[in-house]
Amino acid sequence: MKINKCYLCIIIEKREKPIKWNVIDMKIIGISLLMMGCLMGFSLGIDIFQGFDVSQALYNTVSPFRVMEVAELFVLFFLLFLFLLNLCIFL
């Protein structure tokens, strides 16, 4: 394992072309994590405002798939299926 400075990546195995992380990719990852944190904080605040204690609100915030209805799970798995199908087509 070594750090390649020109591509800003950690090389674990030999590849023909190293993965190149550019500034746009890092901004997308950073904004996504910031949005996730803000939305989790908002969800936590709403649960506490509705009367849940902090531990139950934190449990609901961290594990959202346990509080999903059947229709929501169907939509989630359908979208994941479409994503994987799209990924397989364009590989």
N, C-alpha and C. Protein backbone atom coordinates (compact mmCIF):
# COMPACT_ATOMS: atom_id res chain seq x y z
N MET A 1 0.85 -1.17 0.00
CA MET A 1 0.00 0.00 0.00
C MET A 1 0.89 1.22 0.00
N LYS A 2 0.67 2.12 -0.97
CA LYS A 2 1.42 3.36 -1.02
C LYS A 2 0.50 4.47 -1.49
N ILE A 3 0.90 5.69 -1.21
CA ILE A 3 0.10 6.85 -1.58
C ILE A 3 0.69 7.45 -2.85
N ASN A 4 -0.14 7.57 -3.86
CA ASN A 4 0.28 8.17 -5.11
C ASN A 4 -0.11 9.64 -5.06
N LYS A 5 0.85 10.55 -5.06
CA LYS A 5 0.57 11.97 -4.85
C LYS A 5 -0.06 12.64 -6.05
N CYS A 6 0.22 12.19 -7.25
CA CYS A 6 -0.34 12.87 -8.41
C CYS A 6 -1.82 12.52 -8.62
N TYR A 7 -2.29 11.40 -8.11
CA TYR A 7 -3.70 11.04 -8.26
C TYR A 7 -4.49 11.14 -6.96
N LEU A 8 -3.87 11.48 -5.84
CA LEU A 8 -4.52 11.60 -4.54
C LEU A 8 -5.32 10.34 -4.18
N CYS A 9 -4.70 9.19 -4.29
CA CYS A 9 -5.39 7.95 -3.94
C CYS A 9 -4.41 7.01 -3.27
N ILE A 10 -4.94 6.04 -2.58
CA ILE A 10 -4.12 5.00 -1.96
C ILE A 10 -4.17 3.79 -2.87
N ILE A 11 -3.01 3.33 -3.31
CA ILE A 11 -2.94 2.21 -4.22
C ILE A 11 -2.73 0.94 -3.40
N ILE A 12 -3.71 0.04 -3.40
CA ILE A 12 -3.62 -1.21 -2.67
C ILE A 12 -3.21 -2.33 -3.61
N GLU A 13 -3.71 -2.31 -4.82
CA GLU A 13 -3.37 -3.33 -5.80
C GLU A 13 -3.00 -2.64 -7.10
N LYS A 14 -2.31 -3.35 -7.95
CA LYS A 14 -1.91 -2.79 -9.23
C LYS A 14 -3.14 -2.66 -10.14
N ARG A 15 -3.29 -1.50 -10.73
CA ARG A 15 -4.35 -1.26 -11.71
C ARG A 15 -3.71 -0.66 -12.95
N GLU A 16 -4.42 -0.80 -14.05
CA GLU A 16 -3.93 -0.17 -15.26
C GLU A 16 -4.03 1.35 -15.15
N LYS A 17 -5.13 1.80 -14.58
CA LYS A 17 -5.35 3.23 -14.44
C LYS A 17 -5.79 3.49 -13.00
N PRO A 18 -5.06 4.28 -12.23
CA PRO A 18 -5.50 4.58 -10.87
C PRO A 18 -6.78 5.41 -10.85
N ILE A 19 -7.54 5.26 -9.79
CA ILE A 19 -8.75 6.05 -9.63
C ILE A 19 -8.33 7.48 -9.32
N LYS A 20 -8.85 8.42 -10.08
CA LYS A 20 -8.47 9.81 -9.91
C LYS A 20 -9.62 10.57 -9.24
N TRP A 21 -9.39 11.06 -8.04
CA TRP A 21 -10.37 11.85 -7.31
C TRP A 21 -10.11 13.31 -7.64
N ASN A 22 -11.07 13.97 -8.21
CA ASN A 22 -10.88 15.38 -8.46
C ASN A 22 -11.71 16.20 -7.48
N VAL A 23 -11.62 17.50 -7.61
CA VAL A 23 -12.26 18.39 -6.64
C VAL A 23 -13.77 18.25 -6.68
N ILE A 24 -14.35 18.04 -7.85
CA ILE A 24 -15.81 17.92 -7.97
C ILE A 24 -16.32 16.70 -7.21
N ASP A 25 -15.62 15.57 -7.32
CA ASP A 25 -16.03 14.37 -6.58
C ASP A 25 -15.99 14.61 -5.08
N MET A 26 -14.95 15.27 -4.60
CA MET A 26 -14.83 15.52 -3.17
C MET A 26 -15.92 16.48 -2.69
N LYS A 27 -16.28 17.46 -3.53
CA LYS A 27 -17.36 18.38 -3.16
C LYS A 27 -18.69 17.65 -3.08
N ILE A 28 -18.93 16.75 -4.01
CA ILE A 28 -20.19 15.99 -4.01
C ILE A 28 -20.28 15.13 -2.76
N ILE A 29 -19.18 14.46 -2.40
CA ILE A 29 -19.17 13.63 -1.19
C ILE A 29 -19.36 14.50 0.05
N GLY A 30 -18.67 15.63 0.12
CA GLY A 30 -18.79 16.52 1.28
C GLY A 30 -20.18 17.10 1.43
N ILE A 31 -20.78 17.54 0.33
CA ILE A 31 -22.14 18.09 0.39
C ILE A 31 -23.14 17.02 0.76
N SER A 32 -22.96 15.80 0.24
CA SER A 32 -23.86 14.70 0.59
C SER A 32 -23.80 14.38 2.08
N LEU A 33 -22.58 14.34 2.64
CA LEU A 33 -22.44 14.07 4.08
C LEU A 33 -23.02 15.21 4.91
N LEU A 34 -22.83 16.45 4.46
CA LEU A 34 -23.41 17.59 5.19
C LEU A 34 -24.92 17.55 5.17
N MET A 35 -25.50 17.23 4.01
CA MET A 35 -26.96 17.12 3.91
C MET A 35 -27.49 15.98 4.77
N MET A 36 -26.77 14.85 4.79
CA MET A 36 -27.20 13.72 5.62
C MET A 36 -27.19 14.11 7.09
N GLY A 37 -26.15 14.81 7.53
CA GLY A 37 -26.08 15.25 8.93
C GLY A 37 -27.19 16.22 9.29
N CYS A 38 -27.46 17.18 8.40
CA CYS A 38 -28.54 18.15 8.66
C CYS A 38 -29.90 17.47 8.71
N LEU A 39 -30.15 16.53 7.79
CA LEU A 39 -31.44 15.85 7.77
C LEU A 39 -31.61 14.92 8.97
N MET A 40 -30.51 14.29 9.41
CA MET A 40 -30.60 13.44 10.61
C MET A 40 -30.86 14.29 11.84
N GLY A 41 -30.24 15.46 11.92
CA GLY A 41 -30.51 16.38 13.04
C GLY A 41 -31.94 16.89 13.02
N PHE A 42 -32.45 17.19 11.83
CA PHE A 42 -33.84 17.64 11.70
C PHE A 42 -34.81 16.54 12.12
N SER A 43 -34.53 15.30 11.70
CA SER A 43 -35.37 14.17 12.07
C SER A 43 -35.34 13.93 13.58
N LEU A 44 -34.14 14.05 14.16
CA LEU A 44 -34.01 13.90 15.61
C LEU A 44 -34.81 14.96 16.34
N GLY A 45 -34.74 16.21 15.88
CA GLY A 45 -35.50 17.30 16.50
C GLY A 45 -36.99 17.09 16.41
N ILE A 46 -37.48 16.62 15.24
CA ILE A 46 -38.91 16.38 15.08
C ILE A 46 -39.38 15.26 16.00
N ASP A 47 -38.60 14.18 16.11
CA ASP A 47 -38.98 13.08 16.99
C ASP A 47 -39.03 13.53 18.46
N ILE A 48 -38.08 14.33 18.87
CA ILE A 48 -38.09 14.84 20.25
C ILE A 48 -39.28 15.76 20.46
N PHE A 49 -39.60 16.59 19.45
CA PHE A 49 -40.74 17.50 19.55
C PHE A 49 -42.06 16.73 19.63
N GLN A 50 -42.14 15.55 19.00
CA GLN A 50 -43.35 14.74 19.04
C GLN A 50 -43.53 13.99 20.35
N GLY A 51 -42.52 14.01 21.21
CA GLY A 51 -42.67 13.40 22.52
C GLY A 51 -41.85 12.15 22.74
N PHE A 52 -41.07 11.73 21.77
CA PHE A 52 -40.19 10.58 22.00
C PHE A 52 -39.06 10.99 22.94
N ASP A 53 -38.58 10.04 23.72
CA ASP A 53 -37.38 10.34 24.51
C ASP A 53 -36.17 10.31 23.58
N VAL A 54 -35.05 10.79 24.07
CA VAL A 54 -33.88 10.98 23.21
C VAL A 54 -33.36 9.65 22.66
N SER A 55 -33.38 8.59 23.47
CA SER A 55 -32.87 7.31 22.99
C SER A 55 -33.74 6.73 21.88
N GLN A 56 -35.07 6.85 22.00
CA GLN A 56 -35.97 6.35 20.95
C GLN A 56 -35.85 7.21 19.69
N ALA A 57 -35.71 8.52 19.85
CA ALA A 57 -35.55 9.40 18.70
C ALA A 57 -34.24 9.11 17.98
N LEU A 58 -33.18 8.86 18.73
CA LEU A 58 -31.90 8.52 18.13
C LEU A 58 -31.97 7.18 17.42
N TYR A 59 -32.68 6.23 18.01
CA TYR A 59 -32.86 4.92 17.38
C TYR A 59 -33.61 5.07 16.06
N ASN A 60 -34.68 5.90 16.04
CA ASN A 60 -35.44 6.13 14.81
C ASN A 60 -34.61 6.85 13.76
N THR A 61 -33.72 7.73 14.20
CA THR A 61 -32.90 8.49 13.26
C THR A 61 -31.82 7.63 12.65
N VAL A 62 -31.19 6.79 13.44
CA VAL A 62 -30.06 5.99 12.95
C VAL A 62 -30.53 4.79 12.14
N SER A 63 -31.65 4.22 12.47
CA SER A 63 -32.13 3.05 11.75
C SER A 63 -33.48 3.34 11.08
N PRO A 64 -33.47 4.06 9.97
CA PRO A 64 -34.74 4.43 9.34
C PRO A 64 -35.45 3.27 8.66
N PHE A 65 -34.73 2.20 8.34
CA PHE A 65 -35.38 1.11 7.62
C PHE A 65 -36.28 0.27 8.52
N ARG A 66 -36.14 0.39 9.82
CA ARG A 66 -37.02 -0.36 10.73
C ARG A 66 -38.38 0.32 10.89
N VAL A 67 -38.49 1.59 10.55
CA VAL A 67 -39.75 2.30 10.70
C VAL A 67 -40.45 2.52 9.36
N MET A 68 -39.94 1.87 8.29
CA MET A 68 -40.55 2.03 6.97
C MET A 68 -41.74 1.10 6.81
N GLU A 69 -42.72 1.58 6.08
CA GLU A 69 -43.89 0.78 5.76
C GLU A 69 -43.55 -0.12 4.58
N VAL A 70 -44.47 -1.04 4.26
CA VAL A 70 -44.24 -2.00 3.18
C VAL A 70 -44.14 -1.28 1.84
N ALA A 71 -44.99 -0.28 1.61
CA ALA A 71 -44.95 0.45 0.34
C ALA A 71 -43.64 1.20 0.18
N GLU A 72 -43.12 1.77 1.25
CA GLU A 72 -41.84 2.48 1.20
C GLU A 72 -40.70 1.52 0.91
N LEU A 73 -40.72 0.34 1.52
CA LEU A 73 -39.70 -0.67 1.24
C LEU A 73 -39.76 -1.13 -0.21
N PHE A 74 -40.98 -1.27 -0.75
CA PHE A 74 -41.13 -1.65 -2.15
C PHE A 74 -40.51 -0.61 -3.07
N VAL A 75 -40.78 0.67 -2.81
CA VAL A 75 -40.21 1.74 -3.63
C VAL A 75 -38.69 1.76 -3.50
N LEU A 76 -38.17 1.57 -2.29
CA LEU A 76 -36.72 1.55 -2.07
C LEU A 76 -36.06 0.43 -2.88
N PHE A 77 -36.59 -0.79 -2.78
CA PHE A 77 -36.00 -1.91 -3.50
C PHE A 77 -36.18 -1.77 -5.02
N PHE A 78 -37.29 -1.17 -5.44
CA PHE A 78 -37.51 -0.94 -6.87
C PHE A 78 -36.47 0.05 -7.41
N LEU A 79 -36.21 1.12 -6.67
CA LEU A 79 -35.21 2.10 -7.11
C LEU A 79 -33.81 1.50 -7.09
N LEU A 80 -33.51 0.67 -6.08
CA LEU A 80 -32.21 -0.01 -6.06
C LEU A 80 -32.07 -0.97 -7.24
N PHE A 81 -33.15 -1.65 -7.58
CA PHE A 81 -33.14 -2.55 -8.75
C PHE A 81 -32.88 -1.77 -10.03
N LEU A 82 -33.56 -0.62 -10.19
CA LEU A 82 -33.33 0.20 -11.39
C LEU A 82 -31.90 0.72 -11.45
N PHE A 83 -31.35 1.09 -10.29
CA PHE A 83 -29.97 1.56 -10.24
C PHE A 83 -29.00 0.46 -10.66
N LEU A 84 -29.18 -0.74 -10.13
CA LEU A 84 -28.30 -1.86 -10.48
C LEU A 84 -28.47 -2.27 -11.94
N LEU A 85 -29.69 -2.20 -12.45
CA LEU A 85 -29.92 -2.51 -13.85
C LEU A 85 -29.22 -1.49 -14.75
N ASN A 86 -29.30 -0.23 -14.39
CA ASN A 86 -28.63 0.83 -15.13
C ASN A 86 -27.12 0.65 -15.07
N LEU A 87 -26.63 0.24 -13.93
CA LEU A 87 -25.19 0.02 -13.74
C LEU A 87 -24.70 -1.15 -14.61
N CYS A 88 -25.49 -2.21 -14.68
CA CYS A 88 -25.11 -3.37 -15.49
C CYS A 88 -25.16 -3.06 -16.97
N ILE A 89 -26.09 -2.25 -17.40
CA ILE A 89 -26.22 -1.92 -18.82
C ILE A 89 -25.03 -1.09 -19.29
N PHE A 90 -24.59 -0.14 -18.50
CA PHE A 90 -23.55 0.78 -18.93
C PHE A 90 -22.15 0.34 -18.55
N LEU A 91 -21.98 -0.86 -18.02
CA LEU A 91 -20.62 -1.37 -17.75
C LEU A 91 -20.05 -1.93 -18.97
